[in-house]
C-alpha atoms as a PDB file:
ATOM      1  CA  MET A   1       0.125  58.587  58.167  1.00  0.00           C
ATOM      2  CA  THR A   2       2.618  61.416  57.389  1.00  0.00           C
ATOM      3  CA  GLU A   3       2.823  63.234  54.058  1.00  0.00           C
ATOM      4  CA  ASP A   4       6.218  61.590  53.381  1.00  0.00           C
ATOM      5  CA  SER A   5       4.779  58.085  53.828  1.00  0.00           C
ATOM      6  CA  LEU A   6       1.786  59.019  51.654  1.00  0.00           C
ATOM      7  CA  PHE A   7       4.158  60.199  48.953  1.00  0.00           C
ATOM      8  CA  VAL A   8       6.100  56.935  49.081  1.00  0.00           C
ATOM      9  CA  THR A   9       2.889  54.873  48.930  1.00  0.00           C
ATOM     10  CA  ASP A  10       1.480  56.817  45.976  1.00  0.00           C
ATOM     11  CA  THR A  11       4.789  56.645  44.149  1.00  0.00           C
ATOM     12  CA  LYS A  12       4.977  52.863  44.556  1.00  0.00           C
ATOM     13  CA  LEU A  13       1.387  52.521  43.348  1.00  0.00           C
ATOM     14  CA  ALA A  14       2.121  54.603  40.261  1.00  0.00           C
ATOM     15  CA  ASP A  15       5.310  52.647  39.582  1.00  0.00           C
ATOM     16  CA  ALA A  16       3.388  49.380  39.947  1.00  0.00           C
ATOM     17  CA  MET A  17       0.875  50.482  37.300  1.00  0.00           C
ATOM     18  CA  THR A  18       3.656  51.037  34.774  1.00  0.00           C
ATOM     19  CA  GLN A  19       4.818  47.416  35.182  1.00  0.00           C
ATOM     20  CA  ILE A  20       1.702  46.081  33.405  1.00  0.00           C
ATOM     21  CA  VAL A  21       3.108  46.865  29.924  1.00  0.00           C
ATOM     22  CA  SER A  22       6.717  45.895  30.814  1.00  0.00           C
ATOM     23  CA  ASN A  23       9.255  43.889  28.784  1.00  0.00           C
ATOM     24  CA  GLU A  24      12.285  43.995  31.183  1.00  0.00           C
ATOM     25  CA  GLU A  25      13.042  43.641  34.896  1.00  0.00           C
ATOM     26  CA  PRO A  26      12.539  46.903  36.827  1.00  0.00           C
ATOM     27  CA  ALA A  27      15.740  48.789  37.528  1.00  0.00           C
ATOM     28  CA  PRO A  28      16.881  49.238  41.145  1.00  0.00           C
ATOM     29  CA  GLU A  29      15.972  52.490  42.863  1.00  0.00           C
ATOM     30  CA  GLU A  30      19.600  53.603  42.971  1.00  0.00           C
ATOM     31  CA  GLN A  31      19.935  53.273  39.221  1.00  0.00           C
ATOM     32  CA  LYS A  32      16.668  55.156  38.686  1.00  0.00           C
ATOM     33  CA  GLU A  33      18.012  58.046  40.689  1.00  0.00           C
ATOM     34  CA  GLU A  34      21.182  58.170  38.586  1.00  0.00           C
ATOM     35  CA  GLN A  35      19.292  58.406  35.273  1.00  0.00           C
ATOM     36  CA  GLN A  36      19.088  61.900  33.795  1.00  0.00           C
ATOM     37  CA  PRO A  37      16.386  62.190  31.098  1.00  0.00           C
ATOM     38  CA  GLU A  38      16.702  64.738  28.328  1.00  0.00           C
ATOM     39  CA  ASN A  39      15.219  68.185  28.864  1.00  0.00           C
ATOM     40  CA  PRO A  40      12.249  69.166  26.669  1.00  0.00           C
ATOM     41  CA  PRO A  41      11.784  72.751  25.460  1.00  0.00           C
ATOM     42  CA  GLU A  42      10.916  74.900  28.465  1.00  0.00           C
ATOM     43  CA  PRO A  43       7.345  76.231  28.572  1.00  0.00           C
ATOM     44  CA  PRO A  44       6.988  80.013  28.770  1.00  0.00           C
ATOM     45  CA  GLN A  45       6.021  79.999  32.449  1.00  0.00           C
ATOM     46  CA  SER A  46       8.695  77.556  33.640  1.00  0.00           C
ATOM     47  CA  ALA A  47      11.749  78.479  35.669  1.00  0.00           C
ATOM     48  CA  PRO A  48      15.303  77.888  34.341  1.00  0.00           C
ATOM     49  CA  SER A  49      15.385  74.512  36.104  1.00  0.00           C
ATOM     50  CA  PRO A  50      15.392  71.613  33.543  1.00  0.00           C
ATOM     51  CA  THR A  51      12.076  69.780  33.076  1.00  0.00           C
ATOM     52  CA  PRO A  52      12.269  65.989  32.684  1.00  0.00           C
ATOM     53  CA  GLU A  53      10.759  64.258  29.653  1.00  0.00           C
ATOM     54  CA  PRO A  54       8.942  60.925  29.705  1.00  0.00           C
ATOM     55  CA  VAL A  55      11.578  58.194  29.931  1.00  0.00           C
ATOM     56  CA  MET A  56      11.052  55.594  27.190  1.00  0.00           C
ATOM     57  CA  ASP A  57      13.176  52.658  26.157  1.00  0.00           C
ATOM     58  CA  ALA A  58      14.107  51.896  22.549  1.00  0.00           C
ATOM     59  CA  ALA A  59      11.224  49.485  21.993  1.00  0.00           C
ATOM     60  CA  SER A  60       8.613  51.887  23.314  1.00  0.00           C
ATOM     61  CA  THR A  61      10.116  54.759  21.294  1.00  0.00           C
ATOM     62  CA  THR A  62       9.840  52.677  18.126  1.00  0.00           C
ATOM     63  CA  SER A  63       6.222  51.703  18.730  1.00  0.00           C
ATOM     64  CA  ALA A  64       5.063  54.957  20.332  1.00  0.00           C
ATOM     65  CA  ALA A  65       3.688  56.340  17.076  1.00  0.00           C
ATOM     66  CA  THR A  66       1.224  53.483  16.773  1.00  0.00           C
ATOM     67  CA  GLU A  67       0.683  52.556  20.419  1.00  0.00           C
ATOM     68  CA  GLN A  68       0.053  56.000  21.962  1.00  0.00           C
ATOM     69  CA  PRO A  69      -2.033  58.894  20.670  1.00  0.00           C
ATOM     70  CA  LYS A  70       0.183  61.953  20.206  1.00  0.00           C
ATOM     71  CA  THR A  71      -2.332  64.757  20.509  1.00  0.00           C
ATOM     72  CA  GLU A  72      -0.431  67.999  20.914  1.00  0.00           C
ATOM     73  CA  MET A  73      -2.364  70.637  22.818  1.00  0.00           C
ATOM     74  CA  THR A  74      -2.024  74.384  22.895  1.00  0.00           C
ATOM     75  CA  LYS A  75      -0.957  76.129  26.095  1.00  0.00           C
ATOM     76  CA  GLU A  76      -4.569  77.160  26.662  1.00  0.00           C
ATOM     77  CA  GLU A  77      -5.755  73.573  26.330  1.00  0.00           C
ATOM     78  CA  VAL A  78      -3.060  72.362  28.726  1.00  0.00           C
ATOM     79  CA  ASP A  79      -4.046  75.028  31.235  1.00  0.00           C
ATOM     80  CA  GLU A  80      -7.701  74.012  30.895  1.00  0.00           C
ATOM     81  CA  LEU A  81      -6.786  70.361  31.563  1.00  0.00           C
ATOM     82  CA  ILE A  82      -4.767  71.375  34.634  1.00  0.00           C
ATOM     83  CA  ASN A  83      -7.655  73.477  35.931  1.00  0.00           C
ATOM     84  CA  ASP A  84     -10.039  70.562  35.420  1.00  0.00           C
ATOM     85  CA  ALA A  85      -7.648  68.350  37.394  1.00  0.00           C
ATOM     86  CA  LYS A  86      -7.368  70.906  40.221  1.00  0.00           C
ATOM     87  CA  GLN A  87     -11.170  71.126  40.384  1.00  0.00           C
ATOM     88  CA  GLY A  88     -11.445  67.329  40.600  1.00  0.00           C
ATOM     89  CA  LYS A  89     -13.286  66.980  37.298  1.00  0.00           C
ATOM     90  CA  ASP A  90     -13.420  63.752  35.322  1.00  0.00           C
ATOM     91  CA  LEU A  91     -10.314  63.433  33.104  1.00  0.00           C
ATOM     92  CA  SER A  92     -11.268  60.196  31.382  1.00  0.00           C
ATOM     93  CA  GLN A  93     -11.723  61.957  28.026  1.00  0.00           C
ATOM     94  CA  TYR A  94      -8.002  62.761  27.871  1.00  0.00           C
ATOM     95  CA  ASN A  95      -5.424  60.341  26.461  1.00  0.00           C
ATOM     96  CA  SER A  96      -2.008  59.563  27.933  1.00  0.00           C
ATOM     97  CA  SER A  97      -0.179  62.049  25.691  1.00  0.00           C
ATOM     98  CA  GLN A  98      -2.443  64.900  26.812  1.00  0.00           C
ATOM     99  CA  LEU A  99      -2.050  63.869  30.453  1.00  0.00           C
ATOM    100  CA  ASN A 100       1.738  63.813  29.987  1.00  0.00           C
ATOM    101  CA  GLN A 101       1.589  67.382  28.715  1.00  0.00           C
ATOM    102  CA  ALA A 102      -0.469  68.362  31.743  1.00  0.00           C
ATOM    103  CA  TRP A 103       2.100  66.589  33.956  1.00  0.00           C
ATOM    104  CA  ASN A 104       4.879  68.677  32.372  1.00  0.00           C
ATOM    105  CA  GLY A 105       2.883  71.825  33.017  1.00  0.00           C
ATOM    106  CA  LEU A 106       2.331  70.862  36.645  1.00  0.00           C
ATOM    107  CA  ASN A 107       6.006  69.991  36.999  1.00  0.00           C
ATOM    108  CA  SER A 108       6.904  73.494  35.843  1.00  0.00           C
ATOM    109  CA  GLN A 109       4.455  74.948  38.368  1.00  0.00           C
ATOM    110  CA  LYS A 110       5.940  72.810  41.129  1.00  0.00           C
ATOM    111  CA  THR A 111       9.432  74.009  40.223  1.00  0.00           C
ATOM    112  CA  GLU A 112       8.293  77.631  40.392  1.00  0.00           C
ATOM    113  CA  TYR A 113       6.553  77.113  43.735  1.00  0.00           C
ATOM    114  CA  THR A 114       9.614  75.366  45.126  1.00  0.00           C
ATOM    115  CA  GLN A 115      11.957  78.145  44.055  1.00  0.00           C
ATOM    116  CA  GLN A 116       9.557  80.725  45.473  1.00  0.00           C
ATOM    117  CA  ARG A 117       9.391  78.794  48.803  1.00  0.00           C
ATOM    118  CA  LYS A 118       5.660  78.268  48.325  1.00  0.00           C
ATOM    119  CA  TYR A 119       5.803  74.767  49.731  1.00  0.00           C
ATOM    120  CA  VAL A 120       2.070  74.378  50.441  1.00  0.00           C
ATOM    121  CA  GLU A 121       1.272  75.060  46.777  1.00  0.00           C
ATOM    122  CA  ALA A 122       4.179  72.845  45.708  1.00  0.00           C
ATOM    123  CA  ASP A 123       2.818  70.026  47.862  1.00  0.00           C
ATOM    124  CA  LYS A 124      -0.647  70.336  46.339  1.00  0.00           C
ATOM    125  CA  VAL A 125       0.804  70.294  42.822  1.00  0.00           C
ATOM    126  CA  THR A 126       2.994  67.294  43.698  1.00  0.00           C
ATOM    127  CA  LYS A 127      -0.003  65.291  44.907  1.00  0.00           C
ATOM    128  CA  LEU A 128      -1.930  66.269  41.810  1.00  0.00           C
ATOM    129  CA  MET A 129       1.026  65.199  39.662  1.00  0.00           C
ATOM    130  CA  LYS A 130       0.896  61.756  41.262  1.00  0.00           C
ATOM    131  CA  LYS A 131      -2.764  61.417  40.367  1.00  0.00           C
ATOM    132  CA  ILE A 132      -2.095  62.599  36.816  1.00  0.00           C
ATOM    133  CA  ARG A 133       0.812  60.187  36.547  1.00  0.00           C
ATOM    134  CA  LEU A 134      -1.292  57.255  37.767  1.00  0.00           C
ATOM    135  CA  LEU A 135      -4.137  58.094  35.371  1.00  0.00           C
ATOM    136  CA  ALA A 136      -1.692  58.566  32.478  1.00  0.00           C
ATOM    137  CA  ASN A 137      -0.170  55.168  33.133  1.00  0.00           C
ATOM    138  CA  GLN A 138      -3.605  53.566  33.251  1.00  0.00           C
ATOM    139  CA  LYS A 139      -4.491  55.323  29.989  1.00  0.00           C
ATOM    140  CA  ALA A 140      -1.196  54.213  28.429  1.00  0.00           C
ATOM    141  CA  VAL A 141      -1.904  50.590  29.351  1.00  0.00           C
ATOM    142  CA  THR A 142      -5.387  50.805  27.826  1.00  0.00           C
ATOM    143  CA  GLU A 143      -4.150  52.589  24.705  1.00  0.00           C
ATOM    144  CA  LYS A 144      -1.372  50.087  24.197  1.00  0.00           C
ATOM    145  CA  ARG A 145      -3.786  47.196  24.654  1.00  0.00           C
ATOM    146  CA  GLU A 146      -6.286  48.724  22.213  1.00  0.00           C
ATOM    147  CA  ALA A 147      -3.538  49.418  19.672  1.00  0.00           C
ATOM    148  CA  LYS A 148      -2.283  45.861  20.033  1.00  0.00           C
ATOM    149  CA  ILE A 149      -5.813  44.481  19.629  1.00  0.00           C
ATOM    150  CA  GLN A 150      -6.364  46.645  16.555  1.00  0.00           C
ATOM    151  CA  GLU A 151      -3.084  45.443  15.063  1.00  0.00           C
ATOM    152  CA  LEU A 152      -3.938  41.793  15.771  1.00  0.00           C
ATOM    153  CA  VAL A 153      -7.488  42.175  14.447  1.00  0.00           C
ATOM    154  CA  GLN A 154      -6.122  43.659  11.230  1.00  0.00           C
ATOM    155  CA  LYS A 155      -3.674  40.773  10.827  1.00  0.00           C
ATOM    156  CA  ARG A 156      -6.403  38.293  11.737  1.00  0.00           C
ATOM    157  CA  ASP A 157      -8.711  39.791   9.097  1.00  0.00           C
ATOM    158  CA  GLU A 158      -5.926  39.558   6.522  1.00  0.00           C
ATOM    159  CA  CYS A 159      -5.402  35.892   7.397  1.00  0.00           C
ATOM    160  CA  GLN A 160      -9.162  35.282   7.220  1.00  0.00           C
ATOM    161  CA  ALA A 161      -9.257  36.916   3.788  1.00  0.00           C
ATOM    162  CA  ASP A 162      -6.377  34.693   2.681  1.00  0.00           C
ATOM    163  CA  LEU A 163      -8.232  31.670   4.088  1.00  0.00           C
ATOM    164  CA  ASP A 164     -11.438  32.589   2.236  1.00  0.00           C
ATOM    165  CA  LYS A 165      -9.483  33.141  -0.972  1.00  0.00           C
ATOM    166  CA  LEU A 166      -7.654  29.837  -0.538  1.00  0.00           C
ATOM    167  CA  SER A 167     -10.899  27.957   0.184  1.00  0.00           C
ATOM    168  CA  LYS A 168     -12.516  29.446  -2.926  1.00  0.00           C
ATOM    169  CA  SER A 169      -9.453  28.560  -4.994  1.00  0.00           C
ATOM    170  CA  TRP A 170      -9.573  24.951  -3.825  1.00  0.00           C
ATOM    171  CA  GLU A 171     -13.322  24.794  -4.392  1.00  0.00           C
ATOM    172  CA  ASN A 172     -12.795  25.920  -7.992  1.00  0.00           C
ATOM    173  CA  LYS A 173      -9.853  23.552  -8.454  1.00  0.00           C
ATOM    174  CA  LEU A 174     -11.851  20.523  -7.288  1.00  0.00           C
ATOM    175  CA  ALA A 175     -14.855  21.571  -9.392  1.00  0.00           C
ATOM    176  CA  ASP A 176     -12.616  21.901 -12.471  1.00  0.00           C
ATOM    177  CA  PHE A 177     -11.091  18.493 -11.841  1.00  0.00           C
ATOM    178  CA  ASP A 178     -14.531  16.925 -11.418  1.00  0.00           C
ATOM    179  CA  ALA A 179     -15.648  18.492 -14.705  1.00  0.00           C
ATOM    180  CA  GLN A 180     -12.520  17.202 -16.453  1.00  0.00           C
ATOM    181  CA  ILE A 181     -13.178  13.676 -15.187  1.00  0.00           C
ATOM    182  CA  LYS A 182     -16.785  13.798 -16.395  1.00  0.00           C
ATOM    183  CA  VAL A 183     -15.653  14.953 -19.835  1.00  0.00           C
ATOM    184  CA  LYS A 184     -13.012  12.234 -20.002  1.00  0.00           C
ATOM    185  CA  VAL A 185     -15.450   9.515 -18.923  1.00  0.00           C
ATOM    186  CA  GLN A 186     -18.016  10.718 -21.444  1.00  0.00           C
ATOM    187  CA  GLN A 187     -15.371  10.584 -24.158  1.00  0.00           C
ATOM    188  CA  TYR A 188     -14.638   6.982 -23.222  1.00  0.00           C
ATOM    189  CA  TYR A 189     -18.354   6.126 -23.242  1.00  0.00           C
ATOM    190  CA  ASP A 190     -18.754   7.640 -26.713  1.00  0.00           C
ATOM    191  CA  GLN A 191     -15.645   5.863 -27.989  1.00  0.00           C
ATOM    192  CA  GLN A 192     -16.702   2.524 -26.533  1.00  0.00           C
ATOM    193  CA  GLY A 193     -20.276   2.886 -27.818  1.00  0.00           C
ATOM    194  CA  LYS A 194     -18.973   3.502 -31.338  1.00  0.00           C
ATOM    195  CA  GLU A 195     -16.628   0.523 -31.021  1.00  0.00           C
ATOM    196  CA  LEU A 196     -19.538  -1.775 -30.106  1.00  0.00           C
ATOM    197  CA  ALA A 197     -21.788  -0.350 -32.827  1.00  0.00           C
ATOM    198  CA  ASP A 198     -19.079  -0.971 -35.446  1.00  0.00           C
ATOM    199  CA  PHE A 199     -18.536  -4.478 -34.130  1.00  0.00           C
ATOM    200  CA  ASP A 200     -22.263  -5.309 -34.269  1.00  0.00           C
ATOM    201  CA  ALA A 201     -22.498  -4.005 -37.836  1.00  0.00           C
ATOM    202  CA  ASN A 202     -19.549  -6.141 -38.927  1.00  0.00           C
ATOM    203  CA  THR A 203     -21.037  -9.141 -37.134  1.00  0.00           C
ATOM    204  CA  GLU A 204     -24.108  -9.233 -39.429  1.00  0.00           C
ATOM    205  CA  LYS A 205     -21.921  -8.839 -42.496  1.00  0.00           C
ATOM    206  CA  GLU A 206     -19.672 -11.682 -41.362  1.00  0.00           C
ATOM    207  CA  ILE A 207     -22.668 -13.982 -40.805  1.00  0.00           C
ATOM    208  CA  ASP A 208     -24.289 -13.074 -44.123  1.00  0.00           C
ATOM    209  CA  SER A 209     -21.056 -13.700 -46.017  1.00  0.00           C
ATOM    210  CA  LEU A 210     -20.236 -16.871 -44.145  1.00  0.00           C
ATOM    211  CA  GLN A 211     -18.774 -19.635 -46.369  1.00  0.00           C
ATOM    212  CA  ILE A 212     -20.501 -22.931 -45.570  1.00  0.00           C
ATOM    213  CA  ARG A 213     -18.208 -25.895 -45.157  1.00  0.00           C
ATOM    214  CA  ASP A 214     -19.538 -29.258 -46.400  1.00  0.00           C
ATOM    215  CA  THR A 215     -19.702 -32.004 -43.859  1.00  0.00           C
ATOM    216  CA  LYS A 216     -18.648 -35.600 -44.621  1.00  0.00           C
ATOM    217  CA  GLU A 217     -22.282 -36.633 -44.914  1.00  0.00           C
ATOM    218  CA  LEU A 218     -22.944 -33.865 -47.440  1.00  0.00           C
ATOM    219  CA  LEU A 219     -19.909 -34.814 -49.488  1.00  0.00           C
ATOM    220  CA  LYS A 220     -21.062 -38.430 -49.481  1.00  0.00           C
ATOM    221  CA  LEU A 221     -24.590 -37.496 -50.629  1.00  0.00           C
ATOM    222  CA  LYS A 222     -23.295 -35.207 -53.362  1.00  0.00           C
ATOM    223  CA  SER A 223     -21.001 -37.954 -54.644  1.00  0.00           C
ATOM    224  CA  ARG A 224     -23.934 -40.391 -54.745  1.00  0.00           C
ATOM    225  CA  GLU A 225     -26.032 -37.774 -56.536  1.00  0.00           C
ATOM    226  CA  GLU A 226     -23.427 -37.459 -59.269  1.00  0.00           C
ATOM    227  CA  GLY A 227     -23.256 -41.217 -59.717  1.00  0.00           C
ATOM    228  CA  LEU A 228     -27.030 -41.496 -60.076  1.00  0.00           C
ATOM    229  CA  VAL A 229     -27.109 -38.730 -62.657  1.00  0.00           C
ATOM    230  CA  LYS A 230     -24.376 -40.429 -64.709  1.00  0.00           C
ATOM    231  CA  ASN A 231     -26.379 -43.637 -64.673  1.00  0.00           C
ATOM    232  CA  GLU A 232     -29.488 -41.657 -65.615  1.00  0.00           C
ATOM    233  CA  MET A 233     -31.268 -42.696 -62.485  1.00  0.00           C
ATOM    234  CA  PHE A 234     -32.914 -39.331 -62.207  1.00  0.00           C
ATOM    235  CA  ILE A 235     -35.730 -40.251 -59.845  1.00  0.00           C
ATOM    236  CA  LYS A 236     -33.317 -41.551 -57.226  1.00  0.00           C
ATOM    237  CA  ALA A 237     -31.015 -38.614 -57.940  1.00  0.00           C
ATOM    238  CA  GLN A 238     -33.942 -36.258 -57.125  1.00  0.00           C
ATOM    239  CA  GLU A 239     -34.496 -38.035 -53.839  1.00  0.00           C
ATOM    240  CA  VAL A 240     -30.814 -37.604 -52.948  1.00  0.00           C
ATOM    241  CA  ARG A 241     -30.967 -33.910 -54.008  1.00  0.00           C
ATOM    242  CA  SER A 242     -33.825 -33.333 -51.564  1.00  0.00           C
ATOM    243  CA  LYS A 243     -31.793 -34.852 -48.749  1.00  0.00           C
ATOM    244  CA  ILE A 244     -28.765 -32.711 -49.717  1.00  0.00           C
ATOM    245  CA  GLU A 245     -30.778 -29.464 -49.625  1.00  0.00           C
ATOM    246  CA  GLN A 246     -32.325 -30.343 -46.285  1.00  0.00           C
ATOM    247  CA  LEU A 247     -28.947 -31.215 -44.808  1.00  0.00           C
ATOM    248  CA  GLU A 248     -27.315 -28.046 -46.244  1.00  0.00           C
ATOM    249  CA  ALA A 249     -29.955 -25.878 -44.540  1.00  0.00           C
ATOM    250  CA  GLU A 250     -29.260 -27.573 -41.250  1.00  0.00           C
ATOM    251  CA  VAL A 251     -25.475 -27.207 -41.699  1.00  0.00           C
ATOM    252  CA  ILE A 252     -25.770 -23.525 -42.665  1.00  0.00           C
ATOM    253  CA  GLU A 253     -27.903 -22.749 -39.606  1.00  0.00           C
ATOM    254  CA  SER A 254     -25.550 -24.696 -37.344  1.00  0.00           C
ATOM    255  CA  GLN A 255     -22.439 -22.964 -38.670  1.00  0.00           C
ATOM    256  CA  LYS A 256     -24.076 -19.501 -38.493  1.00  0.00           C
ATOM    257  CA  SER A 257     -25.138 -20.205 -34.915  1.00  0.00           C
ATOM    258  CA  GLN A 258     -21.605 -21.250 -34.094  1.00  0.00           C
ATOM    259  CA  LYS A 259     -20.270 -18.057 -35.678  1.00  0.00           C
ATOM    260  CA  ARG A 260     -22.742 -15.958 -33.706  1.00  0.00           C
ATOM    261  CA  ASP A 261     -21.560 -17.622 -30.489  1.00  0.00           C
ATOM    262  CA  GLU A 262     -17.935 -16.865 -31.375  1.00  0.00           C
ATOM    263  CA  LEU A 263     -18.733 -13.236 -32.166  1.00  0.00           C
ATOM    264  CA  SER A 264     -20.789 -12.942 -28.971  1.00  0.00           C
ATOM    265  CA  VAL A 265     -17.829 -14.100 -26.916  1.00  0.00           C
ATOM    266  CA  LYS A 266     -15.603 -11.623 -28.725  1.00  0.00           C
ATOM    267  CA  ARG A 267     -18.147  -8.837 -28.084  1.00  0.00           C
ATOM    268  CA  GLN A 268     -18.190  -9.644 -24.378  1.00  0.00           C
ATOM    269  CA  GLN A 269     -14.405  -9.517 -24.317  1.00  0.00           C
ATOM    270  CA  ILE A 270     -14.553  -6.031 -25.813  1.00  0.00           C
ATOM    271  CA  ILE A 271     -17.078  -4.958 -23.170  1.00  0.00           C
ATOM    272  CA  ASN A 272     -14.923  -6.387 -20.381  1.00  0.00           C
ATOM    273  CA  GLN A 273     -11.930  -4.525 -21.757  1.00  0.00           C
ATOM    274  CA  GLN A 274     -13.939  -1.287 -21.830  1.00  0.00           C
ATOM    275  CA  ILE A 275     -15.086  -1.820 -18.236  1.00  0.00           C
ATOM    276  CA  GLN A 276     -11.465  -2.332 -17.190  1.00  0.00           C
ATOM    277  CA  GLN A 277     -10.476   0.891 -18.915  1.00  0.00           C
ATOM    278  CA  LEU A 278     -13.194   2.784 -17.025  1.00  0.00           C
ATOM    279  CA  ARG A 279     -12.053   1.219 -13.754  1.00  0.00           C
ATOM    280  CA  VAL A 280      -8.513   2.420 -14.422  1.00  0.00           C
ATOM    281  CA  ILE A 281      -9.826   5.937 -15.011  1.00  0.00           C
ATOM    282  CA  GLU A 282     -11.986   5.751 -11.878  1.00  0.00           C
ATOM    283  CA  GLN A 283      -9.050   4.538  -9.768  1.00  0.00           C
ATOM    284  CA  TRP A 284      -6.807   7.280 -11.111  1.00  0.00           C
ATOM    285  CA  ALA A 285      -9.493   9.905 -10.442  1.00  0.00           C
ATOM    286  CA  ASN A 286     -10.041   8.671  -6.872  1.00  0.00           C
ATOM    287  CA  GLU A 287      -6.307   8.702  -6.138  1.00  0.00           C
ATOM    288  CA  LYS A 288      -6.040  12.194  -7.604  1.00  0.00           C
ATOM    289  CA  VAL A 289      -8.973  13.413  -5.483  1.00  0.00           C
ATOM    290  CA  ILE A 290      -7.365  11.931  -2.355  1.00  0.00           C
ATOM    291  CA  ASP A 291      -4.077  13.638  -3.189  1.00  0.00           C
ATOM    292  CA  LEU A 292      -5.778  16.975  -3.870  1.00  0.00           C
ATOM    293  CA  SER A 293      -7.863  16.655  -0.694  1.00  0.00           C
ATOM    294  CA  ARG A 294      -4.756  15.948   1.366  1.00  0.00           C
ATOM    295  CA  GLN A 295      -3.012  18.968  -0.135  1.00  0.00           C
ATOM    296  CA  MET A 296      -6.102  21.132   0.366  1.00  0.00           C
ATOM    297  CA  SER A 297      -6.460  19.978   3.976  1.00  0.00           C
ATOM    298  CA  GLY A 298      -2.843  20.877   4.703  1.00  0.00           C
ATOM    299  CA  GLU A 299      -3.038  24.356   3.178  1.00  0.00           C
ATOM    300  CA  ILE A 300      -6.455  25.250   4.583  1.00  0.00           C
ATOM    301  CA  GLY A 301      -5.570  23.738   7.967  1.00  0.00           C
ATOM    302  CA  ALA A 302      -2.443  25.905   8.167  1.00  0.00           C
ATOM    303  CA  ALA A 303      -4.460  28.995   7.177  1.00  0.00           C
ATOM    304  CA  GLU A 304      -7.152  28.190   9.765  1.00  0.00           C
ATOM    305  CA  LYS A 305      -4.460  27.739  12.399  1.00  0.00           C
ATOM    306  CA  ARG A 306      -3.063  31.199  11.632  1.00  0.00           C
ATOM    307  CA  VAL A 307      -6.536  32.722  12.070  1.00  0.00           C
ATOM    308  CA  HIS A 308      -7.048  30.753  15.302  1.00  0.00           C
ATOM    309  CA  ASN A 309      -3.670  31.870  16.658  1.00  0.00           C
ATOM    310  CA  TYR A 310      -4.653  35.494  16.164  1.00  0.00           C
ATOM    311  CA  ASP A 311      -8.015  34.838  17.856  1.00  0.00           C
ATOM    312  CA  VAL A 312      -6.121  33.398  20.831  1.00  0.00           C
ATOM    313  CA  GLN A 313      -3.744  36.377  20.918  1.00  0.00           C
ATOM    314  CA  ILE A 314      -6.618  38.863  20.715  1.00  0.00           C
ATOM    315  CA  ALA A 315      -8.443  37.106  23.561  1.00  0.00           C
ATOM    316  CA  ALA A 316      -5.234  37.045  25.611  1.00  0.00           C
ATOM    317  CA  VAL A 317      -4.638  40.775  25.124  1.00  0.00           C
ATOM    318  CA  LYS A 318      -8.249  41.584  26.001  1.00  0.00           C
ATOM    319  CA  THR A 319      -7.983  39.613  29.244  1.00  0.00           C
ATOM    320  CA  GLY A 320      -4.462  40.832  30.012  1.00  0.00           C
ATOM    321  CA  LYS A 321      -3.026  37.304  29.770  1.00  0.00           C
ATOM    322  CA  GLU A 322      -0.786  37.851  26.765  1.00  0.00           C
ATOM    323  CA  LYS A 323       2.442  35.870  26.748  1.00  0.00           C
ATOM    324  CA  GLY A 324       5.444  37.585  28.320  1.00  0.00           C
ATOM    325  CA  SER A 325       3.446  40.305  30.103  1.00  0.00           C
ATOM    326  CA  LYS A 326       4.172  39.097  33.641  1.00  0.00           C
ATOM    327  CA  GLY A 327       7.091  40.089  35.835  1.00  0.00           C
ATOM    328  CA  LYS A 328       8.838  42.465  33.437  1.00  0.00           C
ATOM    329  CA  LYS A 329       9.801  46.090  33.531  1.00  0.00           C
ATOM    330  CA  ALA A 330       7.148  48.582  32.534  1.00  0.00           C
ATOM    331  CA  GLU A 331       7.647  51.142  29.824  1.00  0.00           C
ATOM    332  CA  ILE A 332       7.714  54.465  31.642  1.00  0.00           C
ATOM    333  CA  LEU A 333       5.167  56.382  29.658  1.00  0.00           C
ATOM    334  CA  VAL A 334       4.906  59.492  31.847  1.00  0.00           C
ATOM    335  CA  PRO A 335       7.560  61.642  33.504  1.00  0.00           C
ATOM    336  CA  SER A 336       8.854  60.768  36.953  1.00  0.00           C
ATOM    337  CA  VAL A 337       9.982  63.179  39.643  1.00  0.00           C
ATOM    338  CA  GLN A 338      13.657  64.159  39.322  1.00  0.00           C
ATOM    339  CA  LYS A 339      14.882  62.844  42.663  1.00  0.00           C
ATOM    340  CA  ASN A 340      18.529  63.918  42.392  1.00  0.00           C
ATOM    341  CA  SER A 341      17.769  67.633  42.188  1.00  0.00           C
ATOM    342  CA  ARG A 342      18.434  69.219  45.574  1.00  0.00           C
ATOM    343  CA  SER A 343      16.190  72.199  44.928  1.00  0.00           C
ATOM    344  CA  THR A 344      13.305  69.906  43.919  1.00  0.00           C
ATOM    345  CA  ARG A 345      13.754  67.503  46.804  1.00  0.00           C
ATOM    346  CA  SER A 346      13.826  70.370  49.267  1.00  0.00           C
ATOM    347  CA  GLY A 347      10.323  71.346  48.154  1.00  0.00           C
ATOM    348  CA  PHE A 348       8.875  68.184  49.728  1.00  0.00           C
ATOM    349  CA  ARG A 349      10.332  68.733  53.152  1.00  0.00           C
END
């Protein structure tokens, strides 16, 4: 395999890595070559040739502050990173921003080597730049995923807190309603107990003050008694008086018993009315509980669904299966080689 074919293969691999975090279709190669990124401030050791910046779309520029670490390094730190890369050391401790800075430094070195016709050194730097670019893109994908997970976890925790607060609120609301019902029922019990006590007290008074009504037989005996007394037939009158007193006792007991039966029926009617009142309260309370439970179920169910949705999104991001992540253009998070510069392109020949 020639160096040119190796360069093409590595470039395609690096470009493919950037497509993981994409939101648009990748631009054709011809359009990529026509794009001219802005020039960053030139490092002290760079040649006058412009140095390309990382190309970022509007969406990635807006979210870059939260999605990518922006750790600015000193020139000495950049040089140390580049030396580590040249020596093949592990660069996993560096983030994408630091690797981008190293890429810019290497790009400046490549430009100098190219202008000085040091093509072997330029080739080595170019290959190293490809490795840095690939690692930076991998880091950018990981950083973006971690930032997204952190953002979703924070929102999920907020929703969970709202759910806990809502559940507690409903728990208190139902407890308050239950307490109100108990108070109301107790008030009815007290009221109904007093009503029955008053009725029972009046019942005894009514019976004691009952006016006895003479029966026909009593009236007949009393009339006979009067006639006997007028005729001075006192012995017979005494016999009739004894019968009258005996019959009056029987009549009084019969009429009192009848009155007690009437009052007993009336008392039962009062009790039945009280039971009906309690049933009305119970029915109202049950309907209110059903209504509150339905309302609570709707609110808590919606809150639980929001928490679940965030759990699903977090799991999707962790597994790389988030919605809309397939088949779209990657955000270019690291610089790409300026292909339309003749002096730069000549360095690879």
